[in-house]
Protein backbone atom coordinates (compact mmCIF):
# COMPACT_ATOMS: atom_id res chain seq x y z
CA MET A 1 74.01 -46.04 -18.02
CA GLN A 2 70.91 -44.63 -16.39
CA ILE A 3 69.53 -45.30 -12.95
CA GLN A 4 65.82 -45.61 -12.26
CA ALA A 5 64.20 -42.40 -11.01
CA ARG A 6 63.12 -44.03 -7.76
CA PHE A 7 66.81 -44.12 -6.75
CA ALA A 8 67.28 -40.38 -7.35
CA PRO A 9 67.31 -39.43 -3.63
CA ILE A 10 70.00 -42.01 -2.90
CA LEU A 11 72.08 -40.93 -5.88
CA PHE A 12 71.67 -37.28 -4.89
CA SER A 13 72.84 -38.06 -1.35
CA ALA A 14 75.81 -40.07 -2.59
CA ILE A 15 77.00 -37.40 -5.01
CA LEU A 16 76.42 -34.43 -2.70
CA SER A 17 78.09 -36.10 0.28
CA ALA A 18 81.09 -37.20 -1.83
CA ILE A 19 81.59 -33.67 -3.14
CA MET A 20 81.23 -32.09 0.30
CA VAL A 21 83.55 -34.61 1.99
CA SER A 22 86.18 -34.09 -0.72
CA ILE A 23 86.11 -30.30 -0.45
CA VAL A 24 85.91 -30.07 3.34
CA SER A 25 88.60 -32.71 3.89
CA ALA A 26 90.99 -30.93 1.53
CA PHE A 27 90.25 -27.57 3.14
CA VAL A 28 90.82 -28.84 6.69
CA LEU A 29 93.99 -30.74 5.82
CA LEU A 30 95.49 -27.79 3.93
CA ASN A 31 94.66 -25.39 6.76
CA THR A 32 95.99 -27.59 9.53
CA GLN A 33 99.01 -29.19 7.83
CA GLY A 34 99.74 -27.21 4.69
CA LEU A 35 101.08 -28.73 1.51
CA HIS A 36 103.32 -31.74 2.09
CA PRO A 37 104.24 -34.89 0.15
CA GLY A 38 101.85 -37.16 2.07
CA LEU A 39 98.85 -34.90 1.62
CA PRO A 40 97.16 -36.74 -1.29
CA GLY A 41 97.18 -40.08 0.54
CA GLN A 42 96.02 -38.47 3.75
CA TRP A 43 93.24 -36.69 1.86
CA VAL A 44 92.01 -39.95 0.31
CA ARG A 45 92.04 -41.69 3.73
CA SER A 46 90.16 -38.76 5.24
CA CYS A 47 87.53 -38.90 2.52
CA LEU A 48 87.11 -42.66 2.85
CA THR A 49 86.66 -42.48 6.62
CA THR A 50 84.25 -39.53 6.67
CA TRP A 51 82.07 -40.36 3.66
CA PRO A 52 80.30 -43.27 5.42
CA VAL A 53 79.11 -40.73 7.99
CA ALA A 54 78.27 -37.98 5.51
CA PHE A 55 76.25 -40.14 3.10
CA PRO A 56 73.55 -41.34 5.52
CA THR A 57 73.49 -37.91 7.15
CA VAL A 58 72.70 -36.23 3.83
CA ALA A 59 70.18 -38.96 2.99
CA ILE A 60 68.31 -38.32 6.24
CA VAL A 61 68.71 -34.55 6.50
CA ALA A 62 68.12 -33.48 2.87
CA PRO A 63 64.36 -34.21 2.83
CA LEU A 64 63.95 -32.38 6.14
CA VAL A 65 65.86 -29.36 4.83
CA ARG A 66 63.74 -29.33 1.65
CA LYS A 67 60.58 -29.22 3.77
CA LEU A 68 62.00 -26.47 5.96
CA VAL A 69 63.00 -24.40 2.95
CA ALA A 70 59.54 -24.87 1.45
CA ARG A 71 57.98 -23.51 4.66
CA LEU A 72 60.38 -20.58 4.90
CA THR A 73 60.07 -19.40 1.31
CA MET A 74 57.17 -17.70 -0.39
CA GLN A 75 55.40 -19.38 -3.26
CA VAL A 76 54.82 -16.84 -6.02
């Protein structure tokens, strides 16, 4: 299955935010609570509650960051 190229920014935001939420949620939970039997369920709930915030944030911020990086870097 392929998605039309015009949806690439949305797909990028969805994938990046899902990866970041998964990693950061696991890191925070492990650091604050350590390994325990309820950790996997808690991790899934954490991901599901934070991803709706992360996805639109990445969708809005990513183009701005790309422009900033383009201004801060030298074109060779």
